[in-house]
Amino acid sequence: MNATFDAKNIHDKTTFHRRFKHALRFQNYYGHNLDALYDLFMEIQSDLTLVIVNTESLSNNLGAYGESIVDLLKTVNLQKANITIKFN
């Protein structure tokens, strides 16, 4: 699966999780928090290439929470051989 997520107009946690869930077609049981996000990434068995566009907007608009999102995505990128996350 290939997916693109544009972070440009993300200004709050709720919007981030709602749009991210939609972009990656997460199941309804997704908990809309960083722990749930990490857990779902760990469950992915198929190949995934995810491009995050306007990555800097996460930190600019969400502060420390946005930085935590980017850190989590970088961790997933290192831990899961079948997942490639690119930051633009």
N, C-alpha and C. Protein backbone atom coordinates (compact mmCIF):
# COMPACT_ATOMS: atom_id res chain seq x y z
N MET A 1 0.85 -1.18 0.00
CA MET A 1 0.00 0.00 0.00
C MET A 1 0.89 1.23 0.00
N ASN A 2 0.47 2.22 -0.75
CA ASN A 2 1.13 3.52 -0.76
C ASN A 2 0.14 4.55 -0.24
N ALA A 3 0.61 5.45 0.61
CA ALA A 3 -0.26 6.48 1.15
C ALA A 3 0.52 7.77 1.32
N THR A 4 -0.19 8.87 1.19
CA THR A 4 0.38 10.20 1.42
C THR A 4 -0.47 10.90 2.45
N PHE A 5 0.20 11.57 3.39
CA PHE A 5 -0.50 12.32 4.42
C PHE A 5 0.05 13.73 4.42
N ASP A 6 -0.82 14.71 4.18
CA ASP A 6 -0.42 16.11 4.18
C ASP A 6 -0.74 16.72 5.54
N ALA A 7 0.29 17.13 6.25
CA ALA A 7 0.14 17.67 7.60
C ALA A 7 -0.08 19.18 7.62
N LYS A 8 -0.16 19.80 6.47
CA LYS A 8 -0.21 21.26 6.39
C LYS A 8 -1.33 21.88 7.22
N ASN A 9 -2.53 21.36 7.15
CA ASN A 9 -3.66 21.99 7.84
C ASN A 9 -4.07 21.25 9.10
N ILE A 10 -3.11 20.62 9.75
CA ILE A 10 -3.38 19.93 11.01
C ILE A 10 -3.08 20.90 12.15
N HIS A 11 -4.12 21.27 12.89
CA HIS A 11 -3.95 22.26 13.96
C HIS A 11 -4.31 21.74 15.34
N ASP A 12 -4.76 20.46 15.42
CA ASP A 12 -5.08 19.90 16.72
C ASP A 12 -4.96 18.38 16.65
N LYS A 13 -4.89 17.76 17.81
CA LYS A 13 -4.71 16.30 17.91
C LYS A 13 -5.87 15.54 17.27
N THR A 14 -7.06 16.00 17.51
CA THR A 14 -8.24 15.31 17.00
C THR A 14 -8.22 15.24 15.48
N THR A 15 -7.92 16.36 14.85
CA THR A 15 -7.86 16.40 13.39
C THR A 15 -6.75 15.50 12.88
N PHE A 16 -5.59 15.53 13.53
CA PHE A 16 -4.51 14.65 13.11
C PHE A 16 -4.96 13.20 13.10
N HIS A 17 -5.49 12.73 14.22
CA HIS A 17 -5.85 11.31 14.33
C HIS A 17 -6.98 10.94 13.36
N ARG A 18 -7.95 11.81 13.19
CA ARG A 18 -9.07 11.52 12.28
C ARG A 18 -8.56 11.40 10.84
N ARG A 19 -7.73 12.35 10.41
CA ARG A 19 -7.22 12.32 9.03
C ARG A 19 -6.21 11.20 8.81
N PHE A 20 -5.40 10.92 9.82
CA PHE A 20 -4.41 9.85 9.70
C PHE A 20 -5.13 8.50 9.60
N LYS A 21 -6.16 8.33 10.41
CA LYS A 21 -6.96 7.10 10.36
C LYS A 21 -7.54 6.90 8.96
N HIS A 22 -8.06 7.97 8.39
CA HIS A 22 -8.64 7.89 7.05
C HIS A 22 -7.57 7.60 6.00
N ALA A 23 -6.44 8.28 6.08
CA ALA A 23 -5.37 8.12 5.08
C ALA A 23 -4.83 6.69 5.06
N LEU A 24 -4.73 6.06 6.24
CA LEU A 24 -4.16 4.72 6.32
C LEU A 24 -5.23 3.63 6.44
N ARG A 25 -6.48 4.03 6.36
CA ARG A 25 -7.60 3.07 6.40
C ARG A 25 -7.56 2.22 7.66
N PHE A 26 -7.28 2.86 8.79
CA PHE A 26 -7.27 2.16 10.07
C PHE A 26 -8.69 1.73 10.42
N GLN A 27 -8.79 0.67 11.19
CA GLN A 27 -10.07 0.14 11.63
C GLN A 27 -10.74 1.09 12.63
N ASN A 28 -12.02 0.89 12.84
CA ASN A 28 -12.78 1.75 13.74
C ASN A 28 -12.31 1.67 15.19
N TYR A 29 -11.63 0.59 15.56
CA TYR A 29 -11.18 0.45 16.95
C TYR A 29 -9.93 1.29 17.25
N TYR A 30 -9.41 1.99 16.26
CA TYR A 30 -8.24 2.87 16.48
C TYR A 30 -8.55 3.86 17.60
N GLY A 31 -7.67 3.93 18.59
CA GLY A 31 -7.92 4.71 19.81
C GLY A 31 -7.64 6.19 19.76
N HIS A 32 -7.18 6.72 18.63
CA HIS A 32 -6.95 8.16 18.46
C HIS A 32 -5.97 8.72 19.49
N ASN A 33 -4.88 7.99 19.73
CA ASN A 33 -3.80 8.50 20.57
C ASN A 33 -2.50 7.87 20.08
N LEU A 34 -1.37 8.32 20.59
CA LEU A 34 -0.08 7.86 20.07
C LEU A 34 0.20 6.40 20.39
N ASP A 35 -0.23 5.92 21.54
CA ASP A 35 -0.05 4.51 21.86
C ASP A 35 -0.81 3.63 20.87
N ALA A 36 -2.05 4.01 20.57
CA ALA A 36 -2.85 3.25 19.61
C ALA A 36 -2.25 3.32 18.22
N LEU A 37 -1.72 4.48 17.85
CA LEU A 37 -1.08 4.64 16.55
C LEU A 37 0.11 3.69 16.43
N TYR A 38 0.95 3.66 17.44
CA TYR A 38 2.11 2.77 17.43
C TYR A 38 1.66 1.31 17.34
N ASP A 39 0.67 0.94 18.14
CA ASP A 39 0.19 -0.44 18.14
C ASP A 39 -0.32 -0.86 16.76
N LEU A 40 -1.06 0.02 16.10
CA LEU A 40 -1.57 -0.33 14.77
C LEU A 40 -0.44 -0.48 13.75
N PHE A 41 0.56 0.37 13.85
CA PHE A 41 1.71 0.21 12.95
C PHE A 41 2.39 -1.13 13.19
N MET A 42 2.49 -1.54 14.43
CA MET A 42 3.14 -2.81 14.75
C MET A 42 2.34 -4.00 14.22
N GLU A 43 1.04 -3.84 14.03
CA GLU A 43 0.20 -4.91 13.50
C GLU A 43 0.27 -5.04 11.98
N ILE A 44 0.75 -4.02 11.29
CA ILE A 44 0.77 -4.04 9.82
C ILE A 44 1.76 -5.09 9.34
N GLN A 45 1.26 -6.02 8.54
CA GLN A 45 2.09 -7.10 8.00
C GLN A 45 2.45 -6.89 6.53
N SER A 46 1.62 -6.17 5.80
CA SER A 46 1.89 -5.94 4.39
C SER A 46 2.84 -4.75 4.22
N ASP A 47 3.38 -4.62 3.02
CA ASP A 47 4.28 -3.50 2.74
C ASP A 47 3.50 -2.19 2.73
N LEU A 48 4.11 -1.17 3.30
CA LEU A 48 3.51 0.16 3.35
C LEU A 48 4.59 1.19 3.09
N THR A 49 4.31 2.07 2.14
CA THR A 49 5.15 3.25 1.93
C THR A 49 4.27 4.46 2.22
N LEU A 50 4.69 5.23 3.20
CA LEU A 50 3.93 6.40 3.64
C LEU A 50 4.80 7.64 3.45
N VAL A 51 4.25 8.62 2.75
CA VAL A 51 4.94 9.89 2.56
C VAL A 51 4.19 10.94 3.38
N ILE A 52 4.92 11.58 4.28
CA ILE A 52 4.37 12.66 5.08
C ILE A 52 4.80 13.97 4.44
N VAL A 53 3.83 14.73 3.95
CA VAL A 53 4.09 16.02 3.30
C VAL A 53 3.89 17.12 4.32
N ASN A 54 4.71 18.16 4.25
CA ASN A 54 4.65 19.29 5.18
C ASN A 54 4.86 18.84 6.63
N THR A 55 5.84 17.98 6.81
CA THR A 55 6.15 17.43 8.13
C THR A 55 6.36 18.51 9.18
N GLU A 56 7.00 19.60 8.79
CA GLU A 56 7.31 20.66 9.74
C GLU A 56 6.05 21.27 10.35
N SER A 57 4.93 21.15 9.66
CA SER A 57 3.67 21.68 10.18
C SER A 57 3.23 20.97 11.46
N LEU A 58 3.61 19.71 11.60
CA LEU A 58 3.24 18.99 12.82
C LEU A 58 3.85 19.67 14.04
N SER A 59 5.14 19.94 13.98
CA SER A 59 5.80 20.61 15.10
C SER A 59 5.34 22.06 15.24
N ASN A 60 5.21 22.75 14.11
CA ASN A 60 4.80 24.15 14.15
C ASN A 60 3.41 24.33 14.73
N ASN A 61 2.48 23.43 14.37
CA ASN A 61 1.09 23.59 14.77
C ASN A 61 0.72 22.85 16.06
N LEU A 62 1.41 21.75 16.34
CA LEU A 62 1.06 20.93 17.49
C LEU A 62 2.12 20.94 18.59
N GLY A 63 3.21 21.63 18.37
CA GLY A 63 4.26 21.73 19.38
C GLY A 63 4.86 20.39 19.75
N ALA A 64 4.98 20.15 21.05
CA ALA A 64 5.62 18.92 21.54
C ALA A 64 4.86 17.67 21.07
N TYR A 65 3.54 17.76 20.96
CA TYR A 65 2.77 16.60 20.49
C TYR A 65 3.13 16.28 19.04
N GLY A 66 3.28 17.30 18.23
CA GLY A 66 3.69 17.10 16.84
C GLY A 66 5.07 16.48 16.74
N GLU A 67 5.98 16.92 17.61
CA GLU A 67 7.32 16.33 17.64
C GLU A 67 7.25 14.87 18.06
N SER A 68 6.35 14.54 18.97
CA SER A 68 6.17 13.15 19.40
C SER A 68 5.64 12.29 18.25
N ILE A 69 4.77 12.85 17.44
CA ILE A 69 4.27 12.13 16.27
C ILE A 69 5.42 11.79 15.33
N VAL A 70 6.24 12.78 15.03
CA VAL A 70 7.38 12.57 14.13
C VAL A 70 8.34 11.55 14.72
N ASP A 71 8.63 11.64 16.00
CA ASP A 71 9.51 10.66 16.66
C ASP A 71 8.93 9.25 16.57
N LEU A 72 7.63 9.12 16.78
CA LEU A 72 6.98 7.81 16.69
C LEU A 72 7.12 7.26 15.26
N LEU A 73 6.87 8.09 14.28
CA LEU A 73 6.97 7.64 12.88
C LEU A 73 8.40 7.23 12.53
N LYS A 74 9.37 7.96 13.03
CA LYS A 74 10.77 7.58 12.81
C LYS A 74 11.10 6.25 13.47
N THR A 75 10.56 6.03 14.65
CA THR A 75 10.77 4.76 15.35
C THR A 75 10.17 3.61 14.56
N VAL A 76 8.95 3.78 14.09
CA VAL A 76 8.30 2.75 13.28
C VAL A 76 9.12 2.46 12.04
N ASN A 77 9.62 3.50 11.42
CA ASN A 77 10.44 3.36 10.21
C ASN A 77 11.66 2.49 10.47
N LEU A 78 12.23 2.59 11.65
CA LEU A 78 13.41 1.80 12.01
C LEU A 78 13.06 0.37 12.42
N GLN A 79 11.91 0.21 13.06
CA GLN A 79 11.56 -1.09 13.64
C GLN A 79 10.86 -2.05 12.68
N LYS A 80 10.19 -1.52 11.68
CA LYS A 80 9.39 -2.35 10.79
C LYS A 80 10.00 -2.36 9.39
N ALA A 81 10.55 -3.48 9.00
CA ALA A 81 11.20 -3.59 7.69
C ALA A 81 10.20 -3.43 6.54
N ASN A 82 8.95 -3.74 6.77
CA ASN A 82 7.94 -3.66 5.70
C ASN A 82 7.30 -2.27 5.59
N ILE A 83 7.70 -1.36 6.46
CA ILE A 83 7.14 0.00 6.44
C ILE A 83 8.24 1.00 6.13
N THR A 84 7.99 1.83 5.12
CA THR A 84 8.90 2.91 4.77
C THR A 84 8.14 4.22 4.93
N ILE A 85 8.68 5.10 5.75
CA ILE A 85 8.06 6.40 5.94
C ILE A 85 9.05 7.45 5.48
N LYS A 86 8.58 8.30 4.57
CA LYS A 86 9.40 9.38 4.02
C LYS A 86 8.82 10.71 4.47
N PHE A 87 9.70 11.63 4.81
CA PHE A 87 9.29 12.95 5.30
C PHE A 87 9.67 14.01 4.29
N ASN A 88 8.70 14.81 3.89
CA ASN A 88 8.94 15.93 2.95
C ASN A 88 8.50 17.22 3.59
